[in-house]
Amino acid sequence: MGRKRNRGYLLTDIGEAKIINALTEKEVNHRNWASWLEKATANAGEPLSQDTIRKILKREEKVDESSIKSVFEALNEPYKRGEDSIQDSIIESNLLIDSEISDKCPYKGLFAFDKEDAPFFFGRSKFIRTLVNAVQKQPLVAVIGNSGIGKSSVIRAGLIPELESSEAWKIAIFRPTNNPFFRLAQALLELFDPEMDTLGREINAKKYASDFKNGSLILKEILKSKLQEISVQERILIVVDQFEELYTLCSEDEINIFLEQLLGAIEIENENPKLDIVLVINLRLDFYKDALSHPVLGKALQDWKPETLIKMNPDELKEAIEEPAQVAKLKIQDGLTQIILEAVKNNQGELPLLEFTLEKLWEKRSDNQLTVFAYHEIGGVEQALANHAENVYNQLNDAEKKQAQHIFTQLVRFGENTNDTRRLATLDEIGSEIWRLVTKLTGVERDLKARLV
């Protein structure tokens, strides 16, 4: 039996020089991305797909769709003439896209995009470039924006994959939750000792968290020590996602100690800082004043310009709708994109509602096409989420409905002179009896039920 063929080119099969030549012939002479692509995909043995090239070139704003197709025609030319490939991994151009990707929903619903979702993440290329430039110049980069604007996604599926592709960064990312020292320690252990088993990591994270909190362990000293162990070209990026959890879940004393450790690790007081350690925080706009009220963090935010994430413009929204579909080989019925754009343009919660609507459209796709009929059937952007939530709630019995009300009140922090915000709720707060309903609602599938709690 013959060897199973890969569904796409492997970069090691084609060779960087051949790709560059093909790009040069088509007047798309951009060598940097080819080098990036070799590091990002060849070493992992991943296929070089048309969508991979499309996304990188579009992010760089170098070529249009027709030029990308021309590049692949140039790459295919030797094989059209009957020349042998280095390995039996070159197949017809209509199979360039990994078949598995077409079976995966390219939209995230109410969930943030993560780095494994990067092939489907579109609409923020300009802001991603801004962030990439910022971490090269600043010890502290704060990403500020309204709730639901996509701050977590742009960091996790945009900035981090871009930086990791250069192989010049070691990146630790975490959310503070109600235990920021433990989460920090856990993230560092995952970064610097990825082979440690789960139990060992849990035990060590608890110890390090306690040491960070009482000051017997200094974050800056740990990171400087690790920098001496790794390549001289590598730098460390600490990302604190949903930074506002410090202010909603932690005591003032805990916040002050945590910020002292975190800010002490970077050179925020030097006009020409050494950027071997960089801190990125993602903060909701309505908690910006809380950050500014801290004397050290407030001055750092004044000295080092935050980056503000605003609503997508119509072109970016269109890209966020159509490009993931193209990656997944989905068709979008004529007129549907414009209908959706009209519905979201004046909606403050546009991105979560948009992604949820697109996810439901994918579930109801017909002949691999997103349709206008399905869009109206689910209630459109304005009603899709409310209709689905109502359906889930109506499936509960009377006792469960009362329990659900209790669960939801535990998940909201009612603001004083600020907007209400979501919060994490623990088993102790909700109660073991009601926790059974939490388990029932979350289930094992990744759908709206998971976000109802």
Protein backbone atom coordinates (compact mmCIF):
# COMPACT_ATOMS: atom_id res chain seq x y z
CA MET A 1 0.00 0.00 0.00
CA GLY A 2 1.35 3.40 -0.96
CA ARG A 3 2.26 6.06 1.52
CA LYS A 4 -0.58 8.43 2.49
CA ARG A 5 -0.08 11.74 0.75
CA ASN A 6 -0.08 15.01 2.66
CA ARG A 7 -2.80 17.42 1.72
CA GLY A 8 -0.56 20.30 0.73
CA TYR A 9 3.01 21.37 0.16
CA LEU A 10 5.58 20.94 2.85
CA LEU A 11 7.91 23.91 2.81
CA THR A 12 10.89 21.58 3.09
CA ASP A 13 9.75 19.87 -0.12
CA ILE A 14 9.59 23.06 -2.16
CA GLY A 15 12.44 25.05 -0.69
CA GLU A 16 12.50 28.69 0.30
CA ALA A 17 14.48 29.74 -2.79
CA LYS A 18 11.88 28.29 -5.16
CA ILE A 19 9.11 30.17 -3.34
CA ILE A 20 11.04 33.43 -3.46
CA ASN A 21 11.69 32.95 -7.17
CA ALA A 22 8.00 32.38 -7.80
CA LEU A 23 7.12 35.51 -5.82
CA THR A 24 9.78 37.53 -7.65
CA GLU A 25 8.48 36.45 -11.04
CA LYS A 26 5.05 37.74 -10.06
CA GLU A 27 6.49 41.03 -8.75
CA VAL A 28 5.78 40.09 -5.17
CA ASN A 29 9.37 40.10 -3.97
CA HIS A 30 8.96 39.98 -0.21
CA ARG A 31 11.62 37.75 1.31
CA ASN A 32 10.87 38.30 5.00
CA TRP A 33 7.63 36.38 5.04
CA ALA A 34 9.19 33.39 3.28
CA SER A 35 11.81 33.10 6.00
CA TRP A 36 9.10 33.50 8.63
CA LEU A 37 7.02 30.80 7.00
CA GLU A 38 9.89 28.35 6.91
CA LYS A 39 10.43 28.69 10.64
CA ALA A 40 6.74 28.62 11.48
CA THR A 41 5.66 25.65 9.39
CA ALA A 42 8.56 23.55 8.14
CA ASN A 43 10.05 22.81 11.52
CA ALA A 44 6.66 21.66 12.75
CA GLY A 45 6.12 19.58 9.64
CA GLU A 46 2.92 21.44 8.86
CA PRO A 47 1.59 21.85 5.34
CA LEU A 48 2.16 25.05 3.44
CA SER A 49 -1.39 25.80 2.35
CA GLN A 50 -2.76 28.42 0.02
CA ASP A 51 -4.57 29.89 2.99
CA THR A 52 -1.33 30.22 4.97
CA ILE A 53 0.25 32.21 2.17
CA ARG A 54 -2.94 34.20 1.61
CA LYS A 55 -3.15 35.25 5.23
CA ILE A 56 0.49 36.28 5.56
CA LEU A 57 0.54 38.25 2.33
CA LYS A 58 -2.76 39.95 3.09
CA ARG A 59 -1.56 40.86 6.55
CA GLU A 60 1.46 42.47 4.95
CA GLU A 61 -0.86 44.18 2.44
CA LYS A 62 1.41 43.16 -0.41
CA VAL A 63 -0.85 41.44 -2.91
CA ASP A 64 -4.45 40.88 -3.86
CA GLU A 65 -6.25 37.56 -4.30
CA SER A 66 -5.38 37.22 -7.99
CA SER A 67 -1.69 37.66 -7.21
CA ILE A 68 -1.84 34.94 -4.56
CA LYS A 69 -3.35 32.56 -7.08
CA SER A 70 -0.62 33.52 -9.53
CA VAL A 71 1.99 32.63 -6.94
CA PHE A 72 0.54 29.16 -6.57
CA GLU A 73 0.36 28.72 -10.31
CA ALA A 74 4.06 29.53 -10.45
CA LEU A 75 4.78 27.06 -7.65
CA ASN A 76 2.77 24.37 -9.44
CA GLU A 77 4.42 24.92 -12.80
CA PRO A 78 7.33 22.44 -12.39
CA TYR A 79 4.91 19.69 -11.42
CA LYS A 80 2.53 20.48 -14.26
CA ARG A 81 5.44 19.78 -16.59
CA GLY A 82 5.80 16.34 -15.05
CA GLU A 83 8.87 16.98 -12.92
CA ASP A 84 9.13 14.83 -9.81
CA SER A 85 8.75 16.29 -6.36
CA ILE A 86 11.32 15.64 -3.66
CA GLN A 87 8.76 13.62 -1.70
CA ASP A 88 5.33 12.29 -2.51
CA SER A 89 3.72 15.27 -0.81
CA ILE A 90 2.94 17.52 -3.77
CA ILE A 91 -0.60 17.10 -4.99
CA GLU A 92 -3.06 18.89 -7.21
CA SER A 93 -3.68 22.56 -6.44
CA ASN A 94 -7.32 21.97 -5.63
CA LEU A 95 -6.18 19.92 -2.62
CA LEU A 96 -3.79 22.52 -1.26
CA ILE A 97 -6.06 23.28 1.65
CA ASP A 98 -5.99 20.79 4.46
CA SER A 99 -9.29 18.93 4.36
CA GLU A 100 -9.55 18.98 8.14
CA ILE A 101 -9.82 22.76 8.22
CA SER A 102 -13.06 22.66 6.21
CA ASP A 103 -14.66 20.53 8.93
CA LYS A 104 -13.89 23.07 11.64
CA CYS A 105 -16.12 26.04 12.33
CA PRO A 106 -14.09 29.13 11.38
CA TYR A 107 -16.05 31.37 13.75
CA LYS A 108 -15.71 31.47 17.53
CA GLY A 109 -19.19 32.33 18.73
CA LEU A 110 -18.94 33.95 22.16
CA PHE A 111 -15.43 32.69 22.79
CA ALA A 112 -12.19 34.59 22.23
CA PHE A 113 -9.88 33.51 19.44
CA ASP A 114 -6.75 31.76 20.69
CA LYS A 115 -3.45 31.15 18.95
CA GLU A 116 -4.63 27.86 17.44
CA ASP A 117 -7.44 29.87 15.82
CA ALA A 118 -5.00 32.27 14.12
CA PRO A 119 -5.73 30.90 10.60
CA PHE A 120 -9.33 32.11 11.04
CA PHE A 121 -8.57 35.45 12.69
CA PHE A 122 -9.08 38.41 10.36
CA GLY A 123 -9.97 42.08 10.50
CA ARG A 124 -7.28 43.33 12.86
CA SER A 125 -4.11 43.21 10.73
CA LYS A 126 -3.35 46.93 11.16
CA PHE A 127 -3.71 46.81 14.93
CA ILE A 128 -1.62 43.64 15.14
CA ARG A 129 1.20 45.41 13.32
CA THR A 130 0.85 48.28 15.79
CA LEU A 131 1.23 45.88 18.72
CA VAL A 132 4.18 44.08 17.16
CA ASN A 133 5.94 47.42 16.73
CA ALA A 134 5.03 48.52 20.25
CA VAL A 135 6.60 45.52 22.01
CA GLN A 136 9.83 46.24 20.12
CA LYS A 137 9.97 49.74 21.62
CA GLN A 138 8.19 49.75 25.00
CA PRO A 139 8.62 47.77 28.23
CA LEU A 140 4.89 48.11 28.93
CA VAL A 141 2.12 47.88 26.35
CA ALA A 142 -1.45 48.28 27.58
CA VAL A 143 -4.27 47.32 25.23
CA ILE A 144 -7.33 49.33 26.23
CA GLY A 145 -10.85 48.91 24.89
CA ASN A 146 -14.52 48.34 25.64
CA SER A 147 -15.86 44.98 26.73
CA GLY A 148 -16.44 42.68 23.76
CA ILE A 149 -14.26 44.69 21.40
CA GLY A 150 -11.85 41.77 20.86
CA LYS A 151 -8.87 42.63 23.09
CA SER A 152 -8.16 39.04 24.12
CA SER A 153 -8.49 37.77 20.55
CA VAL A 154 -6.15 40.35 19.05
CA ILE A 155 -3.46 39.40 21.57
CA ARG A 156 -3.97 35.65 21.61
CA ALA A 157 -4.64 35.04 17.89
CA GLY A 158 -2.82 38.08 16.51
CA LEU A 159 0.15 39.35 18.50
CA ILE A 160 1.31 36.07 20.04
CA PRO A 161 1.41 34.00 16.81
CA GLU A 162 3.26 36.86 15.08
CA LEU A 163 5.90 37.02 17.81
CA GLU A 164 6.23 33.25 18.16
CA SER A 165 6.88 32.96 14.45
CA SER A 166 10.11 34.90 14.83
CA GLU A 167 11.42 32.43 17.42
CA ALA A 168 12.77 35.42 19.35
CA TRP A 169 10.24 35.40 22.18
CA LYS A 170 9.37 33.27 25.20
CA ILE A 171 5.74 34.07 26.01
CA ALA A 172 3.76 33.49 29.20
CA ILE A 173 0.07 34.43 29.22
CA PHE A 174 -2.47 34.20 32.03
CA ARG A 175 -5.58 35.72 33.53
CA PRO A 176 -5.34 36.95 37.14
CA THR A 177 -8.67 35.39 38.26
CA ASN A 178 -8.97 35.63 42.05
CA ASN A 179 -5.49 34.14 42.51
CA PRO A 180 -3.05 36.21 40.44
CA PHE A 181 0.16 34.94 42.07
CA PHE A 182 -0.79 31.31 41.43
CA ARG A 183 -1.77 32.06 37.82
CA LEU A 184 1.50 33.89 37.24
CA ALA A 185 3.52 31.02 38.71
CA GLN A 186 1.54 28.49 36.71
CA ALA A 187 2.17 30.39 33.45
CA LEU A 188 5.90 30.62 34.16
CA LEU A 189 6.16 26.90 34.91
CA GLU A 190 4.33 26.06 31.70
CA LEU A 191 6.76 28.28 29.80
CA PHE A 192 10.06 27.24 31.36
CA ASP A 193 9.32 23.65 32.39
CA PRO A 194 6.74 22.35 29.90
CA GLU A 195 7.63 18.69 30.61
CA MET A 196 6.57 18.93 34.26
CA ASP A 197 3.51 16.81 35.01
CA THR A 198 0.23 18.44 36.05
CA LEU A 199 0.50 17.49 39.74
CA GLY A 200 4.08 18.72 39.98
CA ARG A 201 3.16 21.99 38.32
CA GLU A 202 0.23 22.47 40.70
CA ILE A 203 2.40 21.87 43.77
CA ASN A 204 5.22 24.11 42.59
CA ALA A 205 2.83 26.86 41.45
CA LYS A 206 1.29 27.00 44.93
CA LYS A 207 4.73 27.27 46.54
CA TYR A 208 5.96 29.93 44.12
CA ALA A 209 2.71 31.88 44.48
CA SER A 210 3.19 32.00 48.23
CA ASP A 211 6.82 33.07 47.80
CA PHE A 212 5.86 35.80 45.30
CA LYS A 213 3.23 37.08 47.70
CA ASN A 214 5.48 37.23 50.77
CA GLY A 215 8.40 38.67 48.82
CA SER A 216 10.83 35.79 49.30
CA LEU A 217 10.75 35.23 45.52
CA ILE A 218 11.25 38.19 43.18
CA LEU A 219 9.80 37.94 39.67
CA LYS A 220 12.54 40.10 38.13
CA GLU A 221 15.28 37.84 39.51
CA ILE A 222 13.54 34.72 38.21
CA LEU A 223 13.15 36.16 34.71
CA LYS A 224 16.71 37.52 34.57
CA SER A 225 17.99 34.10 35.60
CA LYS A 226 15.96 32.43 32.85
CA LEU A 227 17.27 34.93 30.28
CA GLN A 228 20.80 33.77 31.05
CA GLU A 229 19.78 30.17 30.30
CA ILE A 230 18.15 30.82 26.92
CA SER A 231 19.47 32.18 23.63
CA VAL A 232 20.87 35.71 23.77
CA GLN A 233 18.48 36.67 20.98
CA GLU A 234 15.39 35.60 22.93
CA ARG A 235 13.22 37.89 25.00
CA ILE A 236 10.45 37.27 27.50
CA LEU A 237 6.90 38.55 27.08
CA ILE A 238 4.50 38.43 30.02
CA VAL A 239 0.86 38.88 28.97
CA VAL A 240 -1.84 39.54 31.56
CA ASP A 241 -5.19 38.99 29.87
CA GLN A 242 -8.33 40.56 31.37
CA PHE A 243 -6.26 42.67 33.73
CA GLU A 244 -9.43 44.15 35.21
CA GLU A 245 -9.96 40.93 37.17
CA LEU A 246 -7.44 42.33 39.64
CA TYR A 247 -9.92 45.07 40.51
CA THR A 248 -13.02 42.87 40.59
CA LEU A 249 -11.66 39.77 42.34
CA CYS A 250 -8.66 40.76 44.47
CA SER A 251 -8.09 42.75 47.64
CA GLU A 252 -6.28 46.07 47.56
CA ASP A 253 -3.26 44.65 49.42
CA GLU A 254 -3.03 41.75 46.97
CA ILE A 255 -3.26 44.12 44.00
CA ASN A 256 -0.44 46.31 45.34
CA ILE A 257 1.93 43.39 45.99
CA PHE A 258 1.15 41.84 42.63
CA LEU A 259 1.75 45.09 40.74
CA GLU A 260 4.99 45.64 42.65
CA GLN A 261 6.24 42.23 41.45
CA LEU A 262 4.96 42.65 37.90
CA LEU A 263 6.14 46.22 37.29
CA GLY A 264 9.40 45.60 39.10
CA ALA A 265 10.33 43.04 36.44
CA ILE A 266 10.39 45.59 33.59
CA GLU A 267 12.36 48.80 33.07
CA ILE A 268 9.58 51.36 33.15
CA GLU A 269 11.58 54.22 34.66
CA ASN A 270 14.41 54.21 32.11
CA GLU A 271 13.94 56.42 29.04
CA ASN A 272 15.98 53.93 27.02
CA PRO A 273 14.97 50.66 28.66
CA LYS A 274 16.48 47.28 27.97
CA LEU A 275 13.62 45.38 26.37
CA ASP A 276 14.59 41.82 27.28
CA ILE A 277 11.42 41.60 29.39
CA VAL A 278 8.17 43.17 28.15
CA LEU A 279 4.78 43.31 29.83
CA VAL A 280 1.50 43.43 27.89
CA ILE A 281 -1.79 43.98 29.71
CA ASN A 282 -5.31 43.84 28.32
CA LEU A 283 -7.65 46.16 30.21
CA ARG A 284 -11.28 47.14 29.89
CA LEU A 285 -11.74 50.85 29.30
CA ASP A 286 -14.04 51.35 32.29
CA PHE A 287 -11.26 50.11 34.61
CA TYR A 288 -8.60 52.38 33.16
CA LYS A 289 -9.09 54.89 35.97
CA ASP A 290 -8.40 52.13 38.51
CA ALA A 291 -5.09 51.42 36.80
CA LEU A 292 -4.23 55.12 36.68
CA SER A 293 -4.92 55.47 40.42
CA HIS A 294 -1.96 53.23 41.26
CA PRO A 295 1.08 55.55 41.54
CA VAL A 296 3.58 53.30 39.75
CA LEU A 297 1.24 51.81 37.14
CA GLY A 298 -0.39 55.19 36.53
CA LYS A 299 2.95 56.85 35.81
CA ALA A 300 4.00 53.93 33.58
CA LEU A 301 0.79 54.27 31.56
CA GLN A 302 1.56 57.98 31.20
CA ASP A 303 5.15 57.35 30.11
CA TRP A 304 4.45 54.39 27.81
CA LYS A 305 1.62 54.97 25.37
CA PRO A 306 -1.31 52.52 25.64
CA GLU A 307 -2.85 51.17 22.45
CA THR A 308 -6.60 51.70 22.17
CA LEU A 309 -8.64 49.09 20.31
CA ILE A 310 -11.76 50.53 18.70
CA LYS A 311 -14.64 49.11 16.68
CA MET A 312 -13.83 47.50 13.35
CA ASN A 313 -14.58 49.60 10.31
CA PRO A 314 -16.86 48.14 7.57
CA ASP A 315 -13.93 46.78 5.55
CA GLU A 316 -12.49 45.04 8.62
CA LEU A 317 -15.88 43.59 9.53
CA LYS A 318 -16.30 42.31 5.98
CA GLU A 319 -12.90 40.66 6.21
CA ALA A 320 -13.83 39.08 9.57
CA ILE A 321 -16.93 37.59 7.90
CA GLU A 322 -15.61 36.49 4.52
CA GLU A 323 -11.96 35.55 5.03
CA PRO A 324 -12.54 32.79 7.63
CA ALA A 325 -15.15 31.31 5.28
CA GLN A 326 -12.64 31.33 2.46
CA VAL A 327 -10.07 29.55 4.64
CA ALA A 328 -12.66 26.89 5.52
CA LYS A 329 -13.80 26.63 1.89
CA LEU A 330 -17.26 27.87 2.83
CA LYS A 331 -19.48 29.77 0.43
CA ILE A 332 -21.48 32.81 1.48
CA GLN A 333 -24.70 33.44 -0.38
CA ASP A 334 -24.76 36.66 -2.38
CA GLY A 335 -26.09 39.55 -0.33
CA LEU A 336 -25.67 37.90 3.07
CA THR A 337 -22.51 39.78 4.02
CA GLN A 338 -24.17 43.14 3.35
CA ILE A 339 -27.24 42.17 5.37
CA ILE A 340 -25.02 41.28 8.33
CA LEU A 341 -22.96 44.45 8.02
CA GLU A 342 -26.08 46.60 8.09
CA ALA A 343 -27.24 44.81 11.24
CA VAL A 344 -24.01 45.22 13.19
CA LYS A 345 -22.90 48.73 12.21
CA ASN A 346 -24.78 50.48 15.02
CA ASN A 347 -24.54 47.72 17.63
CA GLN A 348 -22.14 48.27 20.54
CA GLY A 349 -21.77 44.55 21.15
CA GLU A 350 -21.12 43.89 17.49
CA LEU A 351 -18.27 41.38 17.66
CA PRO A 352 -19.69 38.82 20.12
CA LEU A 353 -23.10 39.00 18.43
CA LEU A 354 -21.52 38.81 14.98
CA GLU A 355 -19.37 35.80 15.81
CA PHE A 356 -22.26 34.01 17.51
CA THR A 357 -24.50 34.62 14.50
CA LEU A 358 -21.83 33.37 12.11
CA GLU A 359 -21.30 30.27 14.22
CA LYS A 360 -25.03 29.47 14.13
CA LEU A 361 -25.05 30.07 10.37
CA TRP A 362 -22.19 27.57 10.04
CA GLU A 363 -24.20 25.03 12.02
CA LYS A 364 -27.12 25.54 9.65
CA ARG A 365 -25.03 25.65 6.46
CA SER A 366 -26.54 24.10 3.35
CA ASP A 367 -24.27 22.52 0.73
CA ASN A 368 -21.37 24.16 2.56
CA GLN A 369 -22.94 27.59 2.12
CA LEU A 370 -24.05 30.20 4.65
CA THR A 371 -27.53 31.27 3.55
CA VAL A 372 -29.85 34.24 3.90
CA PHE A 373 -32.68 31.84 4.79
CA ALA A 374 -30.75 30.46 7.79
CA TYR A 375 -29.84 34.00 8.85
CA HIS A 376 -33.49 35.01 9.12
CA GLU A 377 -34.41 31.66 10.67
CA ILE A 378 -32.09 32.19 13.65
CA GLY A 379 -33.27 35.78 14.11
CA GLY A 380 -30.38 37.66 12.56
CA VAL A 381 -27.64 39.44 14.50
CA GLU A 382 -30.20 41.24 16.64
CA GLN A 383 -32.04 38.15 17.94
CA ALA A 384 -29.89 35.05 17.35
CA LEU A 385 -28.30 35.08 20.80
CA ALA A 386 -31.49 35.98 22.67
CA ASN A 387 -33.47 33.30 20.84
CA HIS A 388 -30.91 30.61 21.59
CA ALA A 389 -30.64 31.61 25.26
CA GLU A 390 -34.42 31.51 25.56
CA ASN A 391 -34.50 28.02 24.07
CA VAL A 392 -31.89 26.78 26.54
CA TYR A 393 -33.70 28.38 29.49
CA ASN A 394 -37.06 26.94 28.46
CA GLN A 395 -35.60 23.43 28.54
CA LEU A 396 -34.95 23.77 32.28
CA ASN A 397 -37.51 22.66 34.87
CA ASP A 398 -38.86 25.15 37.43
CA ALA A 399 -36.26 24.28 40.08
CA GLU A 400 -33.44 24.62 37.57
CA LYS A 401 -34.74 27.99 36.41
CA LYS A 402 -34.52 29.31 39.98
CA GLN A 403 -31.03 27.87 40.29
CA ALA A 404 -30.05 29.48 37.00
CA GLN A 405 -31.09 32.89 38.33
CA HIS A 406 -28.82 32.34 41.34
CA ILE A 407 -25.93 31.31 39.07
CA PHE A 408 -26.26 34.40 36.88
CA THR A 409 -26.30 36.82 39.84
CA GLN A 410 -23.02 35.26 41.02
CA LEU A 411 -21.49 35.96 37.62
CA VAL A 412 -22.06 39.73 37.74
CA ARG A 413 -20.23 42.37 39.71
CA PHE A 414 -22.59 45.29 40.07
CA GLY A 415 -20.64 48.48 39.52
CA GLU A 416 -20.58 51.60 41.63
CA ASN A 417 -20.28 54.56 39.27
CA THR A 418 -19.20 52.12 36.59
CA ASN A 419 -20.79 49.51 34.36
CA ASP A 420 -21.70 46.09 35.71
CA THR A 421 -19.00 43.55 34.89
CA ARG A 422 -18.70 39.79 34.63
CA ARG A 423 -16.86 37.93 37.36
CA LEU A 424 -15.74 34.39 38.06
CA ALA A 425 -17.82 32.37 40.49
CA THR A 426 -16.40 29.52 42.55
CA LEU A 427 -17.95 26.23 43.60
CA ASP A 428 -18.17 27.49 47.19
CA GLU A 429 -20.10 30.59 46.11
CA ILE A 430 -22.57 28.73 43.92
CA GLY A 431 -22.94 25.63 46.10
CA SER A 432 -22.40 21.97 45.28
CA GLU A 433 -26.10 21.29 44.70
CA ILE A 434 -26.51 24.05 42.14
CA TRP A 435 -23.11 23.19 40.64
CA ARG A 436 -24.76 20.19 39.02
CA LEU A 437 -26.75 22.63 36.87
CA VAL A 438 -23.54 24.48 35.98
CA THR A 439 -22.12 21.16 34.79
CA LYS A 440 -25.30 20.44 32.85
CA LEU A 441 -25.27 23.83 31.13
CA THR A 442 -21.59 23.76 30.27
CA GLY A 443 -21.63 20.14 29.11
CA VAL A 444 -18.83 18.93 26.88
CA GLU A 445 -19.70 20.74 23.67
CA ARG A 446 -18.32 24.20 23.03
CA ASP A 447 -21.52 26.12 22.43
CA LEU A 448 -23.58 28.92 23.93
CA LYS A 449 -24.35 26.80 26.99
CA ALA A 450 -20.72 27.09 27.97
CA ARG A 451 -20.98 30.84 27.96
CA LEU A 452 -24.29 30.95 29.80
CA VAL A 453 -22.16 30.27 32.85
